[in-house]
Amino acid sequence: NHPEFVHSLVLTGSSGLYENAMGA
């Protein structure tokens, strides 16, 4: 949404695709 504000990105254990969380 705001690419002009961000220089670079660091992701660690990120959700956004799929995850096995504590459950529903």
mmCIF file of all heavy atoms, coordinates in Angstrom:
data_MODEL
# 
_entry.id   MODEL 
# 
loop_
_atom_site.group_PDB 
_atom_site.id 
_atom_site.type_symbol 
_atom_site.label_atom_id 
_atom_site.label_alt_id 
_atom_site.label_comp_id 
_atom_site.label_asym_id 
_atom_site.label_entity_id 
_atom_site.label_seq_id 
_atom_site.pdbx_PDB_ins_code 
_atom_site.Cartn_x 
_atom_site.Cartn_y 
_atom_site.Cartn_z 
_atom_site.occupancy 
_atom_site.B_iso_or_equiv 
_atom_site.pdbx_formal_charge 
_atom_site.auth_seq_id 
_atom_site.auth_comp_id 
_atom_site.auth_asym_id 
_atom_site.auth_atom_id 
_atom_site.pdbx_PDB_model_num 
ATOM 1   N N   . ASN A 1 1  ? 0.808   -1.223  0.000  1.00 0.00 ? 1  ASN A N   1 
ATOM 2   C CA  . ASN A 1 1  ? 0.000   0.000   0.000  1.00 0.00 ? 1  ASN A CA  1 
ATOM 3   C C   . ASN A 1 1  ? 0.840   1.272   0.000  1.00 0.00 ? 1  ASN A C   1 
ATOM 4   O O   . ASN A 1 1  ? 0.387   2.312   -0.494 1.00 0.00 ? 1  ASN A O   1 
ATOM 5   C CB  . ASN A 1 1  ? -0.933  0.008   1.216  1.00 0.00 ? 1  ASN A CB  1 
ATOM 6   C CG  . ASN A 1 1  ? -2.043  -1.010  1.103  1.00 0.00 ? 1  ASN A CG  1 
ATOM 7   O OD1 . ASN A 1 1  ? -2.494  -1.324  0.008  1.00 0.00 ? 1  ASN A OD1 1 
ATOM 8   N ND2 . ASN A 1 1  ? -2.478  -1.553  2.231  1.00 0.00 ? 1  ASN A ND2 1 
ATOM 9   N N   . HIS A 1 2  ? 2.047   1.204   0.548  1.00 0.00 ? 2  HIS A N   1 
ATOM 10  C CA  . HIS A 1 2  ? 2.879   2.411   0.688  1.00 0.00 ? 2  HIS A CA  1 
ATOM 11  C C   . HIS A 1 2  ? 4.340   2.120   0.332  1.00 0.00 ? 2  HIS A C   1 
ATOM 12  O O   . HIS A 1 2  ? 5.247   2.356   1.146  1.00 0.00 ? 2  HIS A O   1 
ATOM 13  C CB  . HIS A 1 2  ? 2.793   2.941   2.126  1.00 0.00 ? 2  HIS A CB  1 
ATOM 14  C CG  . HIS A 1 2  ? 1.406   3.186   2.605  1.00 0.00 ? 2  HIS A CG  1 
ATOM 15  N ND1 . HIS A 1 2  ? 0.652   4.285   2.210  1.00 0.00 ? 2  HIS A ND1 1 
ATOM 16  C CD2 . HIS A 1 2  ? 0.606   2.461   3.433  1.00 0.00 ? 2  HIS A CD2 1 
ATOM 17  C CE1 . HIS A 1 2  ? -0.542  4.227   2.780  1.00 0.00 ? 2  HIS A CE1 1 
ATOM 18  N NE2 . HIS A 1 2  ? -0.597  3.132   3.521  1.00 0.00 ? 2  HIS A NE2 1 
ATOM 19  N N   . PRO A 1 3  ? 4.597   1.626   -0.881 1.00 0.00 ? 3  PRO A N   1 
ATOM 20  C CA  . PRO A 1 3  ? 5.973   1.250   -1.230 1.00 0.00 ? 3  PRO A CA  1 
ATOM 21  C C   . PRO A 1 3  ? 6.951   2.421   -1.170 1.00 0.00 ? 3  PRO A C   1 
ATOM 22  O O   . PRO A 1 3  ? 8.151   2.224   -0.927 1.00 0.00 ? 3  PRO A O   1 
ATOM 23  C CB  . PRO A 1 3  ? 5.840   0.701   -2.650 1.00 0.00 ? 3  PRO A CB  1 
ATOM 24  C CG  . PRO A 1 3  ? 4.581   1.300   -3.187 1.00 0.00 ? 3  PRO A CG  1 
ATOM 25  C CD  . PRO A 1 3  ? 3.667   1.424   -2.006 1.00 0.00 ? 3  PRO A CD  1 
ATOM 26  N N   . GLU A 1 4  ? 6.428   3.632   -1.380 1.00 0.00 ? 4  GLU A N   1 
ATOM 27  C CA  . GLU A 1 4  ? 7.308   4.799   -1.403 1.00 0.00 ? 4  GLU A CA  1 
ATOM 28  C C   . GLU A 1 4  ? 7.891   5.124   -0.022 1.00 0.00 ? 4  GLU A C   1 
ATOM 29  O O   . GLU A 1 4  ? 8.874   5.856   0.098  1.00 0.00 ? 4  GLU A O   1 
ATOM 30  C CB  . GLU A 1 4  ? 6.552   6.021   -1.950 1.00 0.00 ? 4  GLU A CB  1 
ATOM 31  C CG  . GLU A 1 4  ? 5.462   6.582   -1.038 1.00 0.00 ? 4  GLU A CG  1 
ATOM 32  C CD  . GLU A 1 4  ? 4.126   5.837   -1.092 1.00 0.00 ? 4  GLU A CD  1 
ATOM 33  O OE1 . GLU A 1 4  ? 4.063   4.750   -1.708 1.00 0.00 ? 4  GLU A OE1 1 
ATOM 34  O OE2 . GLU A 1 4  ? 3.151   6.354   -0.516 1.00 0.00 ? 4  GLU A OE2 1 
ATOM 35  N N   . PHE A 1 5  ? 7.302   4.563   1.036  1.00 0.00 ? 5  PHE A N   1 
ATOM 36  C CA  . PHE A 1 5  ? 7.780   4.836   2.384  1.00 0.00 ? 5  PHE A CA  1 
ATOM 37  C C   . PHE A 1 5  ? 8.862   3.847   2.837  1.00 0.00 ? 5  PHE A C   1 
ATOM 38  O O   . PHE A 1 5  ? 9.566   4.109   3.807  1.00 0.00 ? 5  PHE A O   1 
ATOM 39  C CB  . PHE A 1 5  ? 6.620   4.766   3.390  1.00 0.00 ? 5  PHE A CB  1 
ATOM 40  C CG  . PHE A 1 5  ? 5.795   6.018   3.451  1.00 0.00 ? 5  PHE A CG  1 
ATOM 41  C CD1 . PHE A 1 5  ? 4.823   6.271   2.489  1.00 0.00 ? 5  PHE A CD1 1 
ATOM 42  C CD2 . PHE A 1 5  ? 5.981   6.955   4.462  1.00 0.00 ? 5  PHE A CD2 1 
ATOM 43  C CE1 . PHE A 1 5  ? 4.057   7.419   2.532  1.00 0.00 ? 5  PHE A CE1 1 
ATOM 44  C CE2 . PHE A 1 5  ? 5.225   8.109   4.516  1.00 0.00 ? 5  PHE A CE2 1 
ATOM 45  C CZ  . PHE A 1 5  ? 4.266   8.356   3.549  1.00 0.00 ? 5  PHE A CZ  1 
ATOM 46  N N   . VAL A 1 6  ? 8.959   2.710   2.147  1.00 0.00 ? 6  VAL A N   1 
ATOM 47  C CA  . VAL A 1 6  ? 9.806   1.618   2.650  1.00 0.00 ? 6  VAL A CA  1 
ATOM 48  C C   . VAL A 1 6  ? 11.037  1.434   1.768  1.00 0.00 ? 6  VAL A C   1 
ATOM 49  O O   . VAL A 1 6  ? 10.932  1.313   0.546  1.00 0.00 ? 6  VAL A O   1 
ATOM 50  C CB  . VAL A 1 6  ? 9.007   0.303   2.744  1.00 0.00 ? 6  VAL A CB  1 
ATOM 51  C CG1 . VAL A 1 6  ? 9.863   -0.794  3.376  1.00 0.00 ? 6  VAL A CG1 1 
ATOM 52  C CG2 . VAL A 1 6  ? 7.734   0.506   3.568  1.00 0.00 ? 6  VAL A CG2 1 
ATOM 53  N N   . HIS A 1 7  ? 12.179  1.400   2.408  1.00 0.00 ? 7  HIS A N   1 
ATOM 54  C CA  . HIS A 1 7  ? 13.451  1.234   1.718  1.00 0.00 ? 7  HIS A CA  1 
ATOM 55  C C   . HIS A 1 7  ? 13.764  -0.237  1.466  1.00 0.00 ? 7  HIS A C   1 
ATOM 56  O O   . HIS A 1 7  ? 14.225  -0.627  0.384  1.00 0.00 ? 7  HIS A O   1 
ATOM 57  C CB  . HIS A 1 7  ? 14.561  1.865   2.572  1.00 0.00 ? 7  HIS A CB  1 
ATOM 58  C CG  . HIS A 1 7  ? 15.941  1.657   2.060  1.00 0.00 ? 7  HIS A CG  1 
ATOM 59  N ND1 . HIS A 1 7  ? 16.690  0.530   2.353  1.00 0.00 ? 7  HIS A ND1 1 
ATOM 60  C CD2 . HIS A 1 7  ? 16.731  2.432   1.271  1.00 0.00 ? 7  HIS A CD2 1 
ATOM 61  C CE1 . HIS A 1 7  ? 17.869  0.623   1.775  1.00 0.00 ? 7  HIS A CE1 1 
ATOM 62  N NE2 . HIS A 1 7  ? 17.924  1.763   1.115  1.00 0.00 ? 7  HIS A NE2 1 
ATOM 63  N N   . SER A 1 8  ? 13.523  -1.081  2.474  1.00 0.00 ? 8  SER A N   1 
ATOM 64  C CA  . SER A 1 8  ? 13.822  -2.508  2.385  1.00 0.00 ? 8  SER A CA  1 
ATOM 65  C C   . SER A 1 8  ? 13.005  -3.243  3.439  1.00 0.00 ? 8  SER A C   1 
ATOM 66  O O   . SER A 1 8  ? 12.440  -2.629  4.348  1.00 0.00 ? 8  SER A O   1 
ATOM 67  C CB  . SER A 1 8  ? 15.321  -2.769  2.560  1.00 0.00 ? 8  SER A CB  1 
ATOM 68  O OG  . SER A 1 8  ? 15.843  -2.023  3.654  1.00 0.00 ? 8  SER A OG  1 
ATOM 69  N N   . LEU A 1 9  ? 12.979  -4.561  3.304  1.00 0.00 ? 9  LEU A N   1 
ATOM 70  C CA  . LEU A 1 9  ? 12.064  -5.364  4.109  1.00 0.00 ? 9  LEU A CA  1 
ATOM 71  C C   . LEU A 1 9  ? 12.806  -6.575  4.675  1.00 0.00 ? 9  LEU A C   1 
ATOM 72  O O   . LEU A 1 9  ? 13.612  -7.193  3.981  1.00 0.00 ? 9  LEU A O   1 
ATOM 73  C CB  . LEU A 1 9  ? 10.904  -5.812  3.217  1.00 0.00 ? 9  LEU A CB  1 
ATOM 74  C CG  . LEU A 1 9  ? 9.786   -6.658  3.804  1.00 0.00 ? 9  LEU A CG  1 
ATOM 75  C CD1 . LEU A 1 9  ? 9.026   -5.905  4.895  1.00 0.00 ? 9  LEU A CD1 1 
ATOM 76  C CD2 . LEU A 1 9  ? 8.809   -7.068  2.688  1.00 0.00 ? 9  LEU A CD2 1 
ATOM 77  N N   . VAL A 1 10 ? 12.521  -6.899  5.951  1.00 0.00 ? 10 VAL A N   1 
ATOM 78  C CA  . VAL A 1 10 ? 13.082  -8.092  6.587  1.00 0.00 ? 10 VAL A CA  1 
ATOM 79  C C   . VAL A 1 10 ? 11.923  -8.901  7.168  1.00 0.00 ? 10 VAL A C   1 
ATOM 80  O O   . VAL A 1 10 ? 11.102  -8.371  7.920  1.00 0.00 ? 10 VAL A O   1 
ATOM 81  C CB  . VAL A 1 10 ? 14.078  -7.728  7.711  1.00 0.00 ? 10 VAL A CB  1 
ATOM 82  C CG1 . VAL A 1 10 ? 14.627  -8.994  8.369  1.00 0.00 ? 10 VAL A CG1 1 
ATOM 83  C CG2 . VAL A 1 10 ? 15.214  -6.864  7.172  1.00 0.00 ? 10 VAL A CG2 1 
ATOM 84  N N   . LEU A 1 11 ? 11.853  -10.185 6.798  1.00 0.00 ? 11 LEU A N   1 
ATOM 85  C CA  . LEU A 1 11 ? 10.795  -11.068 7.286  1.00 0.00 ? 11 LEU A CA  1 
ATOM 86  C C   . LEU A 1 11 ? 11.423  -12.243 8.014  1.00 0.00 ? 11 LEU A C   1 
ATOM 87  O O   . LEU A 1 11 ? 12.382  -12.854 7.515  1.00 0.00 ? 11 LEU A O   1 
ATOM 88  C CB  . LEU A 1 11 ? 9.944   -11.588 6.127  1.00 0.00 ? 11 LEU A CB  1 
ATOM 89  C CG  . LEU A 1 11 ? 9.252   -10.545 5.244  1.00 0.00 ? 11 LEU A CG  1 
ATOM 90  C CD1 . LEU A 1 11 ? 8.560   -11.231 4.069  1.00 0.00 ? 11 LEU A CD1 1 
ATOM 91  C CD2 . LEU A 1 11 ? 8.243   -9.729  6.046  1.00 0.00 ? 11 LEU A CD2 1 
ATOM 92  N N   . THR A 1 12 ? 10.881  -12.575 9.171  1.00 0.00 ? 12 THR A N   1 
ATOM 93  C CA  . THR A 1 12 ? 11.355  -13.738 9.912  1.00 0.00 ? 12 THR A CA  1 
ATOM 94  C C   . THR A 1 12 ? 10.152  -14.499 10.468 1.00 0.00 ? 12 THR A C   1 
ATOM 95  O O   . THR A 1 12 ? 9.328   -13.923 11.189 1.00 0.00 ? 12 THR A O   1 
ATOM 96  C CB  . THR A 1 12 ? 12.351  -13.327 11.023 1.00 0.00 ? 12 THR A CB  1 
ATOM 97  O OG1 . THR A 1 12 ? 12.816  -14.480 11.706 1.00 0.00 ? 12 THR A OG1 1 
ATOM 98  C CG2 . THR A 1 12 ? 11.772  -12.319 12.004 1.00 0.00 ? 12 THR A CG2 1 
ATOM 99  N N   . GLY A 1 13 ? 9.993   -15.744 10.065 1.00 0.00 ? 13 GLY A N   1 
ATOM 100 C CA  . GLY A 1 13 ? 8.829   -16.517 10.489 1.00 0.00 ? 13 GLY A CA  1 
ATOM 101 C C   . GLY A 1 13 ? 7.524   -15.829 10.139 1.00 0.00 ? 13 GLY A C   1 
ATOM 102 O O   . GLY A 1 13 ? 6.555   -15.889 10.898 1.00 0.00 ? 13 GLY A O   1 
ATOM 103 N N   . SER A 1 14 ? 7.477   -15.190 8.989  1.00 0.00 ? 14 SER A N   1 
ATOM 104 C CA  . SER A 1 14 ? 6.316   -14.365 8.629  1.00 0.00 ? 14 SER A CA  1 
ATOM 105 C C   . SER A 1 14 ? 5.128   -15.209 8.193  1.00 0.00 ? 14 SER A C   1 
ATOM 106 O O   . SER A 1 14 ? 5.262   -16.194 7.478  1.00 0.00 ? 14 SER A O   1 
ATOM 107 C CB  . SER A 1 14 ? 6.700   -13.414 7.492  1.00 0.00 ? 14 SER A CB  1 
ATOM 108 O OG  . SER A 1 14 ? 5.576   -12.651 7.077  1.00 0.00 ? 14 SER A OG  1 
ATOM 109 N N   . SER A 1 15 ? 3.942   -14.777 8.617  1.00 0.00 ? 15 SER A N   1 
ATOM 110 C CA  . SER A 1 15 ? 2.723   -15.306 8.013  1.00 0.00 ? 15 SER A CA  1 
ATOM 111 C C   . SER A 1 15 ? 2.470   -14.532 6.719  1.00 0.00 ? 15 SER A C   1 
ATOM 112 O O   . SER A 1 15 ? 3.235   -13.651 6.352  1.00 0.00 ? 15 SER A O   1 
ATOM 113 C CB  . SER A 1 15 ? 1.539   -15.197 8.985  1.00 0.00 ? 15 SER A CB  1 
ATOM 114 O OG  . SER A 1 15 ? 1.282   -13.852 9.329  1.00 0.00 ? 15 SER A OG  1 
ATOM 115 N N   . GLY A 1 16 ? 1.404   -14.878 6.036  1.00 0.00 ? 16 GLY A N   1 
ATOM 116 C CA  . GLY A 1 16 ? 1.114   -14.234 4.759  1.00 0.00 ? 16 GLY A CA  1 
ATOM 117 C C   . GLY A 1 16 ? 0.925   -15.239 3.644  1.00 0.00 ? 16 GLY A C   1 
ATOM 118 O O   . GLY A 1 16 ? 0.284   -14.952 2.637  1.00 0.00 ? 16 GLY A O   1 
ATOM 119 N N   . LEU A 1 17 ? 1.492   -16.438 3.818  1.00 0.00 ? 17 LEU A N   1 
ATOM 120 C CA  . LEU A 1 17 ? 1.245   -17.527 2.880  1.00 0.00 ? 17 LEU A CA  1 
ATOM 121 C C   . LEU A 1 17 ? 0.428   -18.604 3.589  1.00 0.00 ? 17 LEU A C   1 
ATOM 122 O O   . LEU A 1 17 ? -0.737  -18.791 3.319  1.00 0.00 ? 17 LEU A O   1 
ATOM 123 C CB  . LEU A 1 17 ? 2.563   -18.085 2.332  1.00 0.00 ? 17 LEU A CB  1 
ATOM 124 C CG  . LEU A 1 17 ? 3.321   -17.132 1.399  1.00 0.00 ? 17 LEU A CG  1 
ATOM 125 C CD1 . LEU A 1 17 ? 4.669   -17.718 0.996  1.00 0.00 ? 17 LEU A CD1 1 
ATOM 126 C CD2 . LEU A 1 17 ? 2.488   -16.814 0.149  1.00 0.00 ? 17 LEU A CD2 1 
ATOM 127 N N   . TYR A 1 18 ? 1.030   -19.296 4.543  1.00 0.00 ? 18 TYR A N   1 
ATOM 128 C CA  . TYR A 1 18 ? 0.255   -20.190 5.399  1.00 0.00 ? 18 TYR A CA  1 
ATOM 129 C C   . TYR A 1 18 ? 1.069   -20.485 6.652  1.00 0.00 ? 18 TYR A C   1 
ATOM 130 O O   . TYR A 1 18 ? 2.282   -20.282 6.688  1.00 0.00 ? 18 TYR A O   1 
ATOM 131 C CB  . TYR A 1 18 ? -0.134  -21.479 4.690  1.00 0.00 ? 18 TYR A CB  1 
ATOM 132 C CG  . TYR A 1 18 ? 1.017   -22.367 4.277  1.00 0.00 ? 18 TYR A CG  1 
ATOM 133 C CD1 . TYR A 1 18 ? 1.549   -23.330 5.142  1.00 0.00 ? 18 TYR A CD1 1 
ATOM 134 C CD2 . TYR A 1 18 ? 1.562   -22.261 2.998  1.00 0.00 ? 18 TYR A CD2 1 
ATOM 135 C CE1 . TYR A 1 18 ? 2.605   -24.141 4.751  1.00 0.00 ? 18 TYR A CE1 1 
ATOM 136 C CE2 . TYR A 1 18 ? 2.611   -23.073 2.602  1.00 0.00 ? 18 TYR A CE2 1 
ATOM 137 C CZ  . TYR A 1 18 ? 3.126   -24.021 3.485  1.00 0.00 ? 18 TYR A CZ  1 
ATOM 138 O OH  . TYR A 1 18 ? 4.166   -24.814 3.094  1.00 0.00 ? 18 TYR A OH  1 
ATOM 139 N N   . GLU A 1 19 ? 0.386   -20.919 7.685  1.00 0.00 ? 19 GLU A N   1 
ATOM 140 C CA  . GLU A 1 19 ? 1.061   -21.183 8.949  1.00 0.00 ? 19 GLU A CA  1 
ATOM 141 C C   . GLU A 1 19 ? 0.299   -22.247 9.737  1.00 0.00 ? 19 GLU A C   1 
ATOM 142 O O   . GLU A 1 19 ? -0.887  -22.469 9.521  1.00 0.00 ? 19 GLU A O   1 
ATOM 143 C CB  . GLU A 1 19 ? 1.171   -19.900 9.775  1.00 0.00 ? 19 GLU A CB  1 
ATOM 144 C CG  . GLU A 1 19 ? -0.176  -19.281 10.109 1.00 0.00 ? 19 GLU A CG  1 
ATOM 145 C CD  . GLU A 1 19 ? -0.037  -17.983 10.889 1.00 0.00 ? 19 GLU A CD  1 
ATOM 146 O OE1 . GLU A 1 19 ? 0.786   -17.944 11.809 1.00 0.00 ? 19 GLU A OE1 1 
ATOM 147 O OE2 . GLU A 1 19 ? -0.763  -17.028 10.565 1.00 0.00 ? 19 GLU A OE2 1 
ATOM 148 N N   . ASN A 1 20 ? 1.011   -22.887 10.638 1.00 0.00 ? 20 ASN A N   1 
ATOM 149 C CA  . ASN A 1 20 ? 0.416   -23.827 11.580 1.00 0.00 ? 20 ASN A CA  1 
ATOM 150 C C   . ASN A 1 20 ? 0.397   -23.153 12.951 1.00 0.00 ? 20 ASN A C   1 
ATOM 151 O O   . ASN A 1 20 ? 1.341   -23.289 13.719 1.00 0.00 ? 20 ASN A O   1 
ATOM 152 C CB  . ASN A 1 20 ? 1.241   -25.119 11.650 1.00 0.00 ? 20 ASN A CB  1 
ATOM 153 C CG  . ASN A 1 20 ? 1.377   -25.779 10.290 1.00 0.00 ? 20 ASN A CG  1 
ATOM 154 O OD1 . ASN A 1 20 ? 0.422   -25.887 9.550  1.00 0.00 ? 20 ASN A OD1 1 
ATOM 155 N ND2 . ASN A 1 20 ? 2.582   -26.206 9.948  1.00 0.00 ? 20 ASN A ND2 1 
ATOM 156 N N   . ALA A 1 21 ? -0.640  -22.404 13.216 1.00 0.00 ? 21 ALA A N   1 
ATOM 157 C CA  . ALA A 1 21 ? -0.705  -21.648 14.461 1.00 0.00 ? 21 ALA A CA  1 
ATOM 158 C C   . ALA A 1 21 ? -1.294  -22.519 15.568 1.00 0.00 ? 21 ALA A C   1 
ATOM 159 O O   . ALA A 1 21 ? -1.370  -23.739 15.458 1.00 0.00 ? 21 ALA A O   1 
ATOM 160 C CB  . ALA A 1 21 ? -1.530  -20.383 14.257 1.00 0.00 ? 21 ALA A CB  1 
ATOM 161 N N   . MET A 1 22 ? -1.755  -21.884 16.631 1.00 0.00 ? 22 MET A N   1 
ATOM 162 C CA  . MET A 1 22 ? -2.342  -22.636 17.729 1.00 0.00 ? 22 MET A CA  1 
ATOM 163 C C   . MET A 1 22 ? -3.659  -23.291 17.332 1.00 0.00 ? 22 MET A C   1 
ATOM 164 O O   . MET A 1 22 ? -4.205  -24.093 18.058 1.00 0.00 ? 22 MET A O   1 
ATOM 165 C CB  . MET A 1 22 ? -2.568  -21.722 18.942 1.00 0.00 ? 22 MET A CB  1 
ATOM 166 C CG  . MET A 1 22 ? -1.300  -21.415 19.715 1.00 0.00 ? 22 MET A CG  1 
ATOM 167 S SD  . MET A 1 22 ? -1.697  -20.677 21.297 1.00 0.00 ? 22 MET A SD  1 
ATOM 168 C CE  . MET A 1 22 ? -0.062  -20.440 21.988 1.00 0.00 ? 22 MET A CE  1 
ATOM 169 N N   . GLY A 1 23 ? -4.138  -22.923 16.165 1.00 0.00 ? 23 GLY A N   1 
ATOM 170 C CA  . GLY A 1 23 ? -5.398  -23.495 15.716 1.00 0.00 ? 23 GLY A CA  1 
ATOM 171 C C   . GLY A 1 23 ? -6.489  -22.447 15.705 1.00 0.00 ? 23 GLY A C   1 
ATOM 172 O O   . GLY A 1 23 ? -6.285  -21.307 16.076 1.00 0.00 ? 23 GLY A O   1 
ATOM 173 N N   . ALA A 1 24 ? -7.658  -22.837 15.265 1.00 0.00 ? 24 ALA A N   1 
ATOM 174 C CA  . ALA A 1 24 ? -8.771  -21.898 15.152 1.00 0.00 ? 24 ALA A CA  1 
ATOM 175 C C   . ALA A 1 24 ? -9.446  -21.640 16.498 1.00 0.00 ? 24 ALA A C   1 
ATOM 176 O O   . ALA A 1 24 ? -10.348 -20.829 16.598 1.00 0.00 ? 24 ALA A O   1 
ATOM 177 C CB  . ALA A 1 24 ? -9.795  -22.433 14.159 1.00 0.00 ? 24 ALA A CB  1 
# 
